[in-house]
Amino acid sequence: MIAGVAGTELSADEFAFFRDVNPWGAILFARNVESLEQLNELTTSMRDATGRSDLPIFIDQEGGRVQRLRPPLAPDYPSAQMIGAVYKRNPEQGLRAAWLLGRLHAFDLMSVGVNVNCMPVLDVPVEGAHEVIGSRAYAYSPDVVALLGRQSAEGLLAGGVLPVVKHMPGHGRAFCDTHKELARVTVPLAELVAHDFVPFKALNDLPMAMTAHVVFEAIDPEYPATLSDTVIRTIIRDVLEFDGLVMSDDISMKALTGDLGDLAEAIIAAGCDIVLHCSGDMEEMQKVAARTITLEGKAKRRADLALSYVGEPDLSNEEELRAEFARIFSVES
């Protein structure tokens, strides 16, 4: 599992949980962020508790409205939609802006011990869909989403940070917020393959992906992707040919209902490698941990392979890249 914590430092119970359960990773939210020094201490204590210097520590630092580090800890970055607007005006400059965004995020995150960023968002929105994706999407064109998503992922990797593509196999047609309720998509499979799935197929060589809490009625009318053996094993593994690590979206989102322990077990049984739990509620964390299993077999191979993508940051000059990024957006504005 990947576990969250409640506050800005590990409590004694949380330290014991990380020590004894040894979750595969941890995830941070705005509630965990107070200062750069504090955040460094928190990520260090997580690694101390598990005894793993390579513990994957995740965050959602996309830019726009989904950004856990804010000024003065990190700049307010443009949304994916704004990157897409640059691309529409000047494709070469748009691709460069997408790469720079990933690379600049990596500078910020590596400085506080965070080595995994849950981006790029590869969802392709449609007119009228819920704003839960909205400006988080690069474009309405699947091919443009794939191009810009690739560059953002490469920018992260150049800075030593792992990307997580989301929300596989596609959240762009959701007409509700899955943080609050379950979304259903009713279009035919052929349309999904030709449109929604395109960016995920194009980036199927990346190390990690997060599932969507969305029911695709043409594939599995009963279960959302996160809980669907058919979606995970047939669509994600076979159609999209993704052999990287598959993690669930947050198990405590309202799109999923039922006992969290039962849900965790069902998510693993459906084919997810890792269960994500974000709330930091200790009772919930213990329920999830009790029903997940130690990584083994293909899941362990995928997890180990994902971590092998972490390399030394390139020799980019941070000041020069920030200045270049600012110039691009001063022209755009």
C-alpha atoms as a PDB file:
ATOM      1  CA  MET A   1       0.000   0.000   0.000  1.00  0.00           C
ATOM      2  CA  ILE A   2       0.859   3.683  -0.209  1.00  0.00           C
ATOM      3  CA  ALA A   3      -0.133   5.524   2.972  1.00  0.00           C
ATOM      4  CA  GLY A   4      -0.755   9.125   3.957  1.00  0.00           C
ATOM      5  CA  VAL A   5      -0.184  10.733   7.342  1.00  0.00           C
ATOM      6  CA  ALA A   6      -2.299  13.168   9.341  1.00  0.00           C
ATOM      7  CA  GLY A   7      -0.052  16.143   9.987  1.00  0.00           C
ATOM      8  CA  THR A   8       3.311  17.826   9.586  1.00  0.00           C
ATOM      9  CA  GLU A   9       5.306  15.237  11.527  1.00  0.00           C
ATOM     10  CA  LEU A  10       5.010  11.545  12.255  1.00  0.00           C
ATOM     11  CA  SER A  11       3.216  10.766  15.474  1.00  0.00           C
ATOM     12  CA  ALA A  12       4.489   7.870  17.566  1.00  0.00           C
ATOM     13  CA  ASP A  13       1.680   5.689  16.195  1.00  0.00           C
ATOM     14  CA  GLU A  14       2.471   6.683  12.611  1.00  0.00           C
ATOM     15  CA  PHE A  15       6.170   5.990  13.077  1.00  0.00           C
ATOM     16  CA  ALA A  16       5.280   2.546  14.458  1.00  0.00           C
ATOM     17  CA  PHE A  17       2.909   1.942  11.523  1.00  0.00           C
ATOM     18  CA  PHE A  18       5.602   2.755   8.981  1.00  0.00           C
ATOM     19  CA  ARG A  19       8.126   0.662  10.908  1.00  0.00           C
ATOM     20  CA  ASP A  20       5.921  -2.395  11.373  1.00  0.00           C
ATOM     21  CA  VAL A  21       3.742  -2.388   8.248  1.00  0.00           C
ATOM     22  CA  ASN A  22       6.489  -1.031   5.974  1.00  0.00           C
ATOM     23  CA  PRO A  23       4.138   0.315   3.266  1.00  0.00           C
ATOM     24  CA  TRP A  24       5.599   0.366  -0.227  1.00  0.00           C
ATOM     25  CA  GLY A  25       5.277   4.154  -0.338  1.00  0.00           C
ATOM     26  CA  ALA A  26       3.948   7.294   1.320  1.00  0.00           C
ATOM     27  CA  ILE A  27       1.972  10.248  -0.041  1.00  0.00           C
ATOM     28  CA  LEU A  28       1.895  13.903   0.999  1.00  0.00           C
ATOM     29  CA  PHE A  29      -0.849  16.537   0.881  1.00  0.00           C
ATOM     30  CA  ALA A  30      -1.103  20.229   1.720  1.00  0.00           C
ATOM     31  CA  ARG A  31      -1.964  19.287   5.317  1.00  0.00           C
ATOM     32  CA  ASN A  32       1.541  17.809   5.620  1.00  0.00           C
ATOM     33  CA  VAL A  33       3.339  20.915   4.378  1.00  0.00           C
ATOM     34  CA  GLU A  34       4.438  23.782   6.614  1.00  0.00           C
ATOM     35  CA  SER A  35       7.992  24.693   5.588  1.00  0.00           C
ATOM     36  CA  LEU A  36      10.845  23.270   3.539  1.00  0.00           C
ATOM     37  CA  GLU A  37      12.775  22.328   6.669  1.00  0.00           C
ATOM     38  CA  GLN A  38       9.729  20.650   8.219  1.00  0.00           C
ATOM     39  CA  LEU A  39       8.976  18.753   5.004  1.00  0.00           C
ATOM     40  CA  ASN A  40      12.532  17.485   4.783  1.00  0.00           C
ATOM     41  CA  GLU A  41      12.276  16.267   8.365  1.00  0.00           C
ATOM     42  CA  LEU A  42       8.979  14.501   7.602  1.00  0.00           C
ATOM     43  CA  THR A  43      10.264  12.669   4.527  1.00  0.00           C
ATOM     44  CA  THR A  44      13.448  11.743   6.385  1.00  0.00           C
ATOM     45  CA  SER A  45      11.463  10.323   9.305  1.00  0.00           C
ATOM     46  CA  MET A  46       9.326   8.255   6.908  1.00  0.00           C
ATOM     47  CA  ARG A  47      12.468   6.717   5.464  1.00  0.00           C
ATOM     48  CA  ASP A  48      13.968   6.225   8.903  1.00  0.00           C
ATOM     49  CA  ALA A  49      10.822   4.417  10.071  1.00  0.00           C
ATOM     50  CA  THR A  50      10.855   1.980   7.137  1.00  0.00           C
ATOM     51  CA  GLY A  51      14.625   1.650   7.003  1.00  0.00           C
ATOM     52  CA  ARG A  52      14.443   2.272   3.250  1.00  0.00           C
ATOM     53  CA  SER A  53      16.403   5.130   1.770  1.00  0.00           C
ATOM     54  CA  ASP A  54      14.609   4.580  -1.552  1.00  0.00           C
ATOM     55  CA  LEU A  55      11.084   4.747  -0.069  1.00  0.00           C
ATOM     56  CA  PRO A  56       8.851   6.216  -2.803  1.00  0.00           C
ATOM     57  CA  ILE A  57       7.249   9.396  -1.474  1.00  0.00           C
ATOM     58  CA  PHE A  58       4.420  10.650  -3.685  1.00  0.00           C
ATOM     59  CA  ILE A  59       2.762  14.009  -4.142  1.00  0.00           C
ATOM     60  CA  ASP A  60       0.236  15.611  -6.525  1.00  0.00           C
ATOM     61  CA  GLN A  61       2.181  18.571  -7.882  1.00  0.00           C
ATOM     62  CA  GLU A  62       0.647  19.191 -11.282  1.00  0.00           C
ATOM     63  CA  GLY A  63       0.419  22.981 -11.449  1.00  0.00           C
ATOM     64  CA  GLY A  64      -2.775  24.993 -11.654  1.00  0.00           C
ATOM     65  CA  ARG A  65      -5.338  24.082  -9.012  1.00  0.00           C
ATOM     66  CA  VAL A  66      -3.714  20.744  -8.065  1.00  0.00           C
ATOM     67  CA  GLN A  67      -0.477  21.718  -6.388  1.00  0.00           C
ATOM     68  CA  ARG A  68       0.465  20.778  -2.816  1.00  0.00           C
ATOM     69  CA  LEU A  69       3.566  22.989  -2.550  1.00  0.00           C
ATOM     70  CA  ARG A  70       2.656  26.658  -2.907  1.00  0.00           C
ATOM     71  CA  PRO A  71       4.542  29.948  -2.506  1.00  0.00           C
ATOM     72  CA  PRO A  72       6.851  30.584  -0.813  1.00  0.00           C
ATOM     73  CA  LEU A  73       7.835  26.883  -0.911  1.00  0.00           C
ATOM     74  CA  ALA A  74       7.389  26.611  -4.684  1.00  0.00           C
ATOM     75  CA  PRO A  75       6.046  28.913  -7.409  1.00  0.00           C
ATOM     76  CA  ASP A  76       2.441  28.805  -8.538  1.00  0.00           C
ATOM     77  CA  TYR A  77       2.808  26.885 -11.791  1.00  0.00           C
ATOM     78  CA  PRO A  78       0.520  27.046 -14.825  1.00  0.00           C
ATOM     79  CA  SER A  79      -2.063  24.348 -15.379  1.00  0.00           C
ATOM     80  CA  ALA A  80      -1.798  21.681 -18.052  1.00  0.00           C
ATOM     81  CA  GLN A  81      -4.469  23.600 -19.972  1.00  0.00           C
ATOM     82  CA  MET A  82      -2.167  26.620 -20.047  1.00  0.00           C
ATOM     83  CA  ILE A  83       0.678  24.466 -21.360  1.00  0.00           C
ATOM     84  CA  GLY A  84      -1.718  23.300 -24.050  1.00  0.00           C
ATOM     85  CA  ALA A  85      -2.504  26.915 -24.948  1.00  0.00           C
ATOM     86  CA  VAL A  86       1.203  27.565 -25.544  1.00  0.00           C
ATOM     87  CA  TYR A  87       1.331  24.478 -27.756  1.00  0.00           C
ATOM     88  CA  LYS A  88      -1.645  25.692 -29.777  1.00  0.00           C
ATOM     89  CA  ARG A  89       0.153  28.981 -30.465  1.00  0.00           C
ATOM     90  CA  ASN A  90       3.596  27.481 -31.003  1.00  0.00           C
ATOM     91  CA  PRO A  91       3.959  23.658 -30.905  1.00  0.00           C
ATOM     92  CA  GLU A  92       7.726  23.671 -30.411  1.00  0.00           C
ATOM     93  CA  GLN A  93       7.471  26.128 -27.543  1.00  0.00           C
ATOM     94  CA  GLY A  94       4.580  24.182 -26.026  1.00  0.00           C
ATOM     95  CA  LEU A  95       6.575  20.968 -25.974  1.00  0.00           C
ATOM     96  CA  ARG A  96       9.477  22.801 -24.356  1.00  0.00           C
ATOM     97  CA  ALA A  97       7.160  24.341 -21.739  1.00  0.00           C
ATOM     98  CA  ALA A  98       5.799  20.887 -20.850  1.00  0.00           C
ATOM     99  CA  TRP A  99       9.328  19.516 -20.372  1.00  0.00           C
ATOM    100  CA  LEU A 100      10.366  22.545 -18.341  1.00  0.00           C
ATOM    101  CA  LEU A 101       7.333  22.192 -16.079  1.00  0.00           C
ATOM    102  CA  GLY A 102       8.317  18.619 -15.222  1.00  0.00           C
ATOM    103  CA  ARG A 103      11.968  19.556 -14.713  1.00  0.00           C
ATOM    104  CA  LEU A 104      11.143  22.507 -12.460  1.00  0.00           C
ATOM    105  CA  HIS A 105       8.795  20.371 -10.374  1.00  0.00           C
ATOM    106  CA  ALA A 106      11.690  17.946  -9.936  1.00  0.00           C
ATOM    107  CA  PHE A 107      13.951  20.698  -8.575  1.00  0.00           C
ATOM    108  CA  ASP A 108      11.294  21.603  -5.998  1.00  0.00           C
ATOM    109  CA  LEU A 109      10.422  18.044  -4.985  1.00  0.00           C
ATOM    110  CA  MET A 110      13.912  16.575  -4.779  1.00  0.00           C
ATOM    111  CA  SER A 111      14.910  19.387  -2.427  1.00  0.00           C
ATOM    112  CA  VAL A 112      12.411  18.093   0.163  1.00  0.00           C
ATOM    113  CA  GLY A 113      12.893  14.354  -0.319  1.00  0.00           C
ATOM    114  CA  VAL A 114       9.897  13.708  -2.619  1.00  0.00           C
ATOM    115  CA  ASN A 115      10.782  11.377  -5.496  1.00  0.00           C
ATOM    116  CA  VAL A 116       7.427  10.569  -7.175  1.00  0.00           C
ATOM    117  CA  ASN A 117       4.981  13.060  -8.724  1.00  0.00           C
ATOM    118  CA  CYS A 118       1.461  11.998  -9.698  1.00  0.00           C
ATOM    119  CA  MET A 119       1.470  13.540 -13.163  1.00  0.00           C
ATOM    120  CA  PRO A 120       1.059  13.775 -16.127  1.00  0.00           C
ATOM    121  CA  VAL A 121      -2.735  13.753 -16.354  1.00  0.00           C
ATOM    122  CA  LEU A 122      -3.454  11.982 -19.664  1.00  0.00           C
ATOM    123  CA  ASP A 123      -7.235  12.256 -19.481  1.00  0.00           C
ATOM    124  CA  VAL A 124      -8.855  13.662 -22.624  1.00  0.00           C
ATOM    125  CA  PRO A 125     -11.868  15.800 -21.701  1.00  0.00           C
ATOM    126  CA  VAL A 126     -15.069  16.068 -23.695  1.00  0.00           C
ATOM    127  CA  GLU A 127     -17.475  18.984 -23.829  1.00  0.00           C
ATOM    128  CA  GLY A 128     -19.738  19.068 -20.791  1.00  0.00           C
ATOM    129  CA  ALA A 129     -17.601  16.796 -18.607  1.00  0.00           C
ATOM    130  CA  HIS A 130     -17.164  17.626 -14.919  1.00  0.00           C
ATOM    131  CA  GLU A 131     -14.455  20.150 -14.023  1.00  0.00           C
ATOM    132  CA  VAL A 132     -12.752  17.574 -11.774  1.00  0.00           C
ATOM    133  CA  ILE A 133     -10.374  17.202 -14.752  1.00  0.00           C
ATOM    134  CA  GLY A 134     -11.050  20.478 -16.590  1.00  0.00           C
ATOM    135  CA  SER A 135      -7.916  22.638 -16.639  1.00  0.00           C
ATOM    136  CA  ARG A 136      -5.827  19.653 -15.525  1.00  0.00           C
ATOM    137  CA  ALA A 137      -6.026  18.336 -19.109  1.00  0.00           C
ATOM    138  CA  TYR A 138      -3.579  19.520 -21.764  1.00  0.00           C
ATOM    139  CA  ALA A 139      -6.041  19.541 -24.659  1.00  0.00           C
ATOM    140  CA  TYR A 140      -9.152  18.031 -26.224  1.00  0.00           C
ATOM    141  CA  SER A 141      -6.961  16.205 -28.762  1.00  0.00           C
ATOM    142  CA  PRO A 142      -5.671  12.771 -27.644  1.00  0.00           C
ATOM    143  CA  ASP A 143      -2.532  13.183 -29.757  1.00  0.00           C
ATOM    144  CA  VAL A 144      -1.686  16.558 -28.227  1.00  0.00           C
ATOM    145  CA  VAL A 145      -2.300  15.183 -24.723  1.00  0.00           C
ATOM    146  CA  ALA A 146       0.120  12.348 -25.489  1.00  0.00           C
ATOM    147  CA  LEU A 147       2.823  14.690 -26.827  1.00  0.00           C
ATOM    148  CA  LEU A 148       2.662  17.131 -23.902  1.00  0.00           C
ATOM    149  CA  GLY A 149       2.266  14.370 -21.317  1.00  0.00           C
ATOM    150  CA  ARG A 150       5.390  12.688 -22.673  1.00  0.00           C
ATOM    151  CA  GLN A 151       7.421  15.874 -22.337  1.00  0.00           C
ATOM    152  CA  SER A 152       6.267  16.527 -18.763  1.00  0.00           C
ATOM    153  CA  ALA A 153       7.132  12.951 -17.786  1.00  0.00           C
ATOM    154  CA  GLU A 154      10.552  13.243 -19.408  1.00  0.00           C
ATOM    155  CA  GLY A 155      11.179  16.483 -17.533  1.00  0.00           C
ATOM    156  CA  LEU A 156      10.428  14.789 -14.221  1.00  0.00           C
ATOM    157  CA  LEU A 157      12.670  11.837 -15.049  1.00  0.00           C
ATOM    158  CA  ALA A 158      15.498  14.182 -16.063  1.00  0.00           C
ATOM    159  CA  GLY A 159      15.309  15.592 -12.541  1.00  0.00           C
ATOM    160  CA  GLY A 160      15.317  12.200 -10.813  1.00  0.00           C
ATOM    161  CA  VAL A 161      11.570  12.117 -10.048  1.00  0.00           C
ATOM    162  CA  LEU A 162       9.240   9.307 -11.131  1.00  0.00           C
ATOM    163  CA  PRO A 163       6.045  10.220 -13.015  1.00  0.00           C
ATOM    164  CA  VAL A 164       2.680   8.529 -12.467  1.00  0.00           C
ATOM    165  CA  VAL A 165       0.284   8.741 -15.423  1.00  0.00           C
ATOM    166  CA  LYS A 166      -3.348   9.201 -14.482  1.00  0.00           C
ATOM    167  CA  HIS A 167      -6.178   8.253 -14.566  1.00  0.00           C
ATOM    168  CA  MET A 168      -5.939   5.032 -16.549  1.00  0.00           C
ATOM    169  CA  PRO A 169      -7.705   4.142 -18.796  1.00  0.00           C
ATOM    170  CA  GLY A 170      -9.305   7.626 -18.917  1.00  0.00           C
ATOM    171  CA  HIS A 171     -11.263  10.042 -16.730  1.00  0.00           C
ATOM    172  CA  GLY A 172     -12.078  12.713 -19.303  1.00  0.00           C
ATOM    173  CA  ARG A 173     -15.717  11.685 -19.826  1.00  0.00           C
ATOM    174  CA  ALA A 174     -16.657  11.734 -16.140  1.00  0.00           C
ATOM    175  CA  PHE A 175     -19.746  13.883 -15.580  1.00  0.00           C
ATOM    176  CA  CYS A 176     -19.300  13.962 -11.814  1.00  0.00           C
ATOM    177  CA  ASP A 177     -16.503  14.391  -9.275  1.00  0.00           C
ATOM    178  CA  THR A 178     -15.258  10.936  -8.250  1.00  0.00           C
ATOM    179  CA  HIS A 179     -14.087  12.372  -4.941  1.00  0.00           C
ATOM    180  CA  LYS A 180     -17.804  12.548  -4.164  1.00  0.00           C
ATOM    181  CA  GLU A 181     -19.578   9.917  -6.281  1.00  0.00           C
ATOM    182  CA  LEU A 182     -19.033   7.185  -8.839  1.00  0.00           C
ATOM    183  CA  ALA A 183     -18.827   8.204 -12.503  1.00  0.00           C
ATOM    184  CA  ARG A 184     -20.202   6.124 -15.379  1.00  0.00           C
ATOM    185  CA  VAL A 185     -19.147   6.300 -19.039  1.00  0.00           C
ATOM    186  CA  THR A 186     -21.601   4.945 -21.606  1.00  0.00           C
ATOM    187  CA  VAL A 187     -19.880   5.384 -24.988  1.00  0.00           C
ATOM    188  CA  PRO A 188     -18.965   2.324 -27.101  1.00  0.00           C
ATOM    189  CA  LEU A 189     -15.625   0.604 -26.664  1.00  0.00           C
ATOM    190  CA  ALA A 190     -14.507   1.560 -30.184  1.00  0.00           C
ATOM    191  CA  GLU A 191     -14.853   5.238 -29.291  1.00  0.00           C
ATOM    192  CA  LEU A 192     -12.863   4.776 -26.093  1.00  0.00           C
ATOM    193  CA  VAL A 193     -10.068   2.999 -27.974  1.00  0.00           C
ATOM    194  CA  ALA A 194      -9.945   5.650 -30.700  1.00  0.00           C
ATOM    195  CA  HIS A 195     -10.045   8.631 -28.324  1.00  0.00           C
ATOM    196  CA  ASP A 196      -9.756   8.221 -24.554  1.00  0.00           C
ATOM    197  CA  PHE A 197      -7.206   5.420 -24.499  1.00  0.00           C
ATOM    198  CA  VAL A 198      -4.811   6.946 -27.051  1.00  0.00           C
ATOM    199  CA  PRO A 199      -2.484   8.885 -24.685  1.00  0.00           C
ATOM    200  CA  PHE A 200      -2.214   5.945 -22.286  1.00  0.00           C
ATOM    201  CA  LYS A 201      -1.247   3.590 -25.112  1.00  0.00           C
ATOM    202  CA  ALA A 202       1.309   6.121 -26.374  1.00  0.00           C
ATOM    203  CA  LEU A 203       2.962   6.403 -22.946  1.00  0.00           C
ATOM    204  CA  ASN A 204       2.727   2.731 -21.989  1.00  0.00           C
ATOM    205  CA  ASP A 205       6.482   2.552 -21.430  1.00  0.00           C
ATOM    206  CA  LEU A 206       6.365   4.765 -18.330  1.00  0.00           C
ATOM    207  CA  PRO A 207       6.892   3.136 -14.923  1.00  0.00           C
ATOM    208  CA  MET A 208       3.617   3.779 -13.059  1.00  0.00           C
ATOM    209  CA  ALA A 209      -0.057   4.506 -13.654  1.00  0.00           C
ATOM    210  CA  MET A 210      -3.041   5.345 -11.427  1.00  0.00           C
ATOM    211  CA  THR A 211      -6.481   3.908 -12.104  1.00  0.00           C
ATOM    212  CA  ALA A 212      -9.745   5.801 -12.571  1.00  0.00           C
ATOM    213  CA  HIS A 213     -12.721   5.314 -10.252  1.00  0.00           C
ATOM    214  CA  VAL A 214     -14.932   5.241 -13.340  1.00  0.00           C
ATOM    215  CA  VAL A 215     -17.342   2.584 -14.639  1.00  0.00           C
ATOM    216  CA  PHE A 216     -16.960   1.931 -18.375  1.00  0.00           C
ATOM    217  CA  GLU A 217     -20.274   0.292 -19.206  1.00  0.00           C
ATOM    218  CA  ALA A 218     -19.059  -1.081 -22.537  1.00  0.00           C
ATOM    219  CA  ILE A 219     -16.297  -2.990 -20.722  1.00  0.00           C
ATOM    220  CA  ASP A 220     -17.605  -3.776 -17.234  1.00  0.00           C
ATOM    221  CA  PRO A 221     -21.028  -2.328 -16.348  1.00  0.00           C
ATOM    222  CA  GLU A 222     -20.747  -3.366 -12.698  1.00  0.00           C
ATOM    223  CA  TYR A 223     -17.324  -2.317 -11.405  1.00  0.00           C
ATOM    224  CA  PRO A 224     -15.235   0.852 -11.751  1.00  0.00           C
ATOM    225  CA  ALA A 225     -11.828   0.410 -13.386  1.00  0.00           C
ATOM    226  CA  THR A 226     -10.069   0.266 -10.009  1.00  0.00           C
ATOM    227  CA  LEU A 227     -12.098  -2.806  -9.019  1.00  0.00           C
ATOM    228  CA  SER A 228     -12.530  -4.385 -12.439  1.00  0.00           C
ATOM    229  CA  ASP A 229     -10.545  -7.455 -13.408  1.00  0.00           C
ATOM    230  CA  THR A 230     -11.733  -6.909 -16.984  1.00  0.00           C
ATOM    231  CA  VAL A 231     -10.533  -3.317 -17.182  1.00  0.00           C
ATOM    232  CA  ILE A 232      -7.185  -3.980 -15.537  1.00  0.00           C
ATOM    233  CA  ARG A 233      -6.239  -7.289 -17.117  1.00  0.00           C
ATOM    234  CA  THR A 234      -7.913  -6.918 -20.531  1.00  0.00           C
ATOM    235  CA  ILE A 235      -7.820  -3.171 -21.208  1.00  0.00           C
ATOM    236  CA  ILE A 236      -4.834  -1.866 -19.261  1.00  0.00           C
ATOM    237  CA  ARG A 237      -2.575  -4.888 -19.624  1.00  0.00           C
ATOM    238  CA  ASP A 238      -3.626  -6.219 -23.049  1.00  0.00           C
ATOM    239  CA  VAL A 239      -5.171  -3.392 -25.078  1.00  0.00           C
ATOM    240  CA  LEU A 240      -3.000  -0.575 -23.732  1.00  0.00           C
ATOM    241  CA  GLU A 241      -0.036  -2.955 -23.322  1.00  0.00           C
ATOM    242  CA  PHE A 242       0.947  -1.314 -20.061  1.00  0.00           C
ATOM    243  CA  ASP A 243       3.282  -3.522 -18.038  1.00  0.00           C
ATOM    244  CA  GLY A 244       4.265  -0.971 -15.424  1.00  0.00           C
ATOM    245  CA  LEU A 245       3.107  -0.680 -11.831  1.00  0.00           C
ATOM    246  CA  VAL A 246      -0.645  -0.075 -11.507  1.00  0.00           C
ATOM    247  CA  MET A 247      -1.779   1.721  -8.366  1.00  0.00           C
ATOM    248  CA  SER A 248      -5.341   2.557  -7.406  1.00  0.00           C
ATOM    249  CA  ASP A 249      -6.599   6.078  -7.017  1.00  0.00           C
ATOM    250  CA  ASP A 250      -7.367   6.926  -3.381  1.00  0.00           C
ATOM    251  CA  ILE A 251      -9.393   4.087  -1.859  1.00  0.00           C
ATOM    252  CA  SER A 252     -11.129   6.518   0.520  1.00  0.00           C
ATOM    253  CA  MET A 253     -12.754   8.607  -2.237  1.00  0.00           C
ATOM    254  CA  LYS A 254     -16.561   8.553  -2.168  1.00  0.00           C
ATOM    255  CA  ALA A 255     -16.737   6.929  -5.624  1.00  0.00           C
ATOM    256  CA  LEU A 256     -15.989   3.648  -3.851  1.00  0.00           C
ATOM    257  CA  THR A 257     -18.296   2.340  -1.157  1.00  0.00           C
ATOM    258  CA  GLY A 258     -17.975  -0.394   1.408  1.00  0.00           C
ATOM    259  CA  ASP A 259     -15.548  -1.530   4.075  1.00  0.00           C
ATOM    260  CA  LEU A 260     -12.042  -0.285   3.295  1.00  0.00           C
ATOM    261  CA  GLY A 261     -10.504  -3.647   4.115  1.00  0.00           C
ATOM    262  CA  ASP A 262     -12.857  -5.401   1.708  1.00  0.00           C
ATOM    263  CA  LEU A 263     -12.143  -2.779  -0.942  1.00  0.00           C
ATOM    264  CA  ALA A 264      -8.384  -3.139  -0.532  1.00  0.00           C
ATOM    265  CA  GLU A 265      -8.583  -6.896  -0.971  1.00  0.00           C
ATOM    266  CA  ALA A 266     -10.855  -6.533  -4.014  1.00  0.00           C
ATOM    267  CA  ILE A 267      -8.537  -3.971  -5.631  1.00  0.00           C
ATOM    268  CA  ILE A 268      -5.583  -6.344  -5.365  1.00  0.00           C
ATOM    269  CA  ALA A 269      -7.700  -9.259  -6.587  1.00  0.00           C
ATOM    270  CA  ALA A 270      -8.758  -7.217  -9.635  1.00  0.00           C
ATOM    271  CA  GLY A 271      -5.128  -6.819 -10.669  1.00  0.00           C
ATOM    272  CA  CYS A 272      -3.877  -3.572  -9.126  1.00  0.00           C
ATOM    273  CA  ASP A 273      -0.377  -3.914  -7.735  1.00  0.00           C
ATOM    274  CA  ILE A 274      -0.700  -1.244  -5.031  1.00  0.00           C
ATOM    275  CA  VAL A 275      -3.577   0.258  -3.017  1.00  0.00           C
ATOM    276  CA  LEU A 276      -3.434   4.011  -2.381  1.00  0.00           C
ATOM    277  CA  HIS A 277      -4.886   5.323   0.888  1.00  0.00           C
ATOM    278  CA  CYS A 278      -4.614   9.057   1.438  1.00  0.00           C
ATOM    279  CA  SER A 279      -6.612  10.262   4.442  1.00  0.00           C
ATOM    280  CA  GLY A 280      -4.008   9.602   7.130  1.00  0.00           C
ATOM    281  CA  ASP A 281      -6.703   8.149   9.394  1.00  0.00           C
ATOM    282  CA  MET A 282      -4.904   5.514  11.459  1.00  0.00           C
ATOM    283  CA  GLU A 283      -7.882   3.211  11.895  1.00  0.00           C
ATOM    284  CA  GLU A 284      -8.483   3.198   8.143  1.00  0.00           C
ATOM    285  CA  MET A 285      -4.777   2.677   7.418  1.00  0.00           C
ATOM    286  CA  GLN A 286      -4.694  -0.372   9.650  1.00  0.00           C
ATOM    287  CA  LYS A 287      -7.768  -1.833   7.940  1.00  0.00           C
ATOM    288  CA  VAL A 288      -6.188  -1.428   4.519  1.00  0.00           C
ATOM    289  CA  ALA A 289      -2.822  -2.771   5.656  1.00  0.00           C
ATOM    290  CA  ALA A 290      -4.461  -5.861   7.176  1.00  0.00           C
ATOM    291  CA  ARG A 291      -6.001  -6.823   3.836  1.00  0.00           C
ATOM    292  CA  THR A 292      -3.153  -6.053   1.440  1.00  0.00           C
ATOM    293  CA  ILE A 293      -0.338  -8.456   0.741  1.00  0.00           C
ATOM    294  CA  THR A 294       3.425  -8.309   0.562  1.00  0.00           C
ATOM    295  CA  LEU A 295       4.544  -7.579  -2.968  1.00  0.00           C
ATOM    296  CA  GLU A 296       5.545 -10.725  -4.798  1.00  0.00           C
ATOM    297  CA  GLY A 297       5.716 -12.174  -8.287  1.00  0.00           C
ATOM    298  CA  LYS A 298       4.839  -9.846 -11.153  1.00  0.00           C
ATOM    299  CA  ALA A 299       3.743  -7.061  -8.814  1.00  0.00           C
ATOM    300  CA  LYS A 300       7.133  -7.025  -7.098  1.00  0.00           C
ATOM    301  CA  ARG A 301       8.926  -7.108 -10.448  1.00  0.00           C
ATOM    302  CA  ARG A 302       6.925  -4.096 -11.604  1.00  0.00           C
ATOM    303  CA  ALA A 303       7.581  -2.230  -8.346  1.00  0.00           C
ATOM    304  CA  ASP A 304      11.313  -2.922  -8.533  1.00  0.00           C
ATOM    305  CA  LEU A 305      11.382  -1.912 -12.189  1.00  0.00           C
ATOM    306  CA  ALA A 306       9.575   1.347 -11.412  1.00  0.00           C
ATOM    307  CA  LEU A 307      12.184   2.274  -8.822  1.00  0.00           C
ATOM    308  CA  SER A 308      14.954   1.459 -11.288  1.00  0.00           C
ATOM    309  CA  TYR A 309      13.767   4.436 -13.373  1.00  0.00           C
ATOM    310  CA  VAL A 310      15.065   6.781 -10.684  1.00  0.00           C
ATOM    311  CA  GLY A 311      18.357   8.189 -11.878  1.00  0.00           C
ATOM    312  CA  GLU A 312      20.692  11.004 -10.958  1.00  0.00           C
ATOM    313  CA  PRO A 313      19.317  14.419 -11.942  1.00  0.00           C
ATOM    314  CA  ASP A 314      20.794  15.883 -15.097  1.00  0.00           C
ATOM    315  CA  LEU A 315      23.098  18.901 -14.949  1.00  0.00           C
ATOM    316  CA  SER A 316      20.442  21.460 -15.860  1.00  0.00           C
ATOM    317  CA  ASN A 317      20.945  24.953 -14.471  1.00  0.00           C
ATOM    318  CA  GLU A 318      17.879  25.704 -12.360  1.00  0.00           C
ATOM    319  CA  GLU A 319      18.124  29.482 -12.630  1.00  0.00           C
ATOM    320  CA  GLU A 320      18.404  29.347 -16.419  1.00  0.00           C
ATOM    321  CA  LEU A 321      15.457  26.966 -16.773  1.00  0.00           C
ATOM    322  CA  ARG A 322      13.238  29.082 -14.535  1.00  0.00           C
ATOM    323  CA  ALA A 323      14.098  32.159 -16.564  1.00  0.00           C
ATOM    324  CA  GLU A 324      13.307  30.331 -19.821  1.00  0.00           C
ATOM    325  CA  PHE A 325       9.971  29.124 -18.445  1.00  0.00           C
ATOM    326  CA  ALA A 326       9.076  32.651 -17.312  1.00  0.00           C
ATOM    327  CA  ARG A 327       9.881  34.019 -20.774  1.00  0.00           C
ATOM    328  CA  ILE A 328       7.551  31.528 -22.429  1.00  0.00           C
ATOM    329  CA  PHE A 329       4.662  32.541 -20.221  1.00  0.00           C
ATOM    330  CA  SER A 330       5.388  36.259 -20.392  1.00  0.00           C
ATOM    331  CA  VAL A 331       4.932  35.966 -24.158  1.00  0.00           C
ATOM    332  CA  GLU A 332       1.782  33.870 -23.684  1.00  0.00           C
ATOM    333  CA  SER A 333       0.224  36.406 -21.334  1.00  0.00           C
END
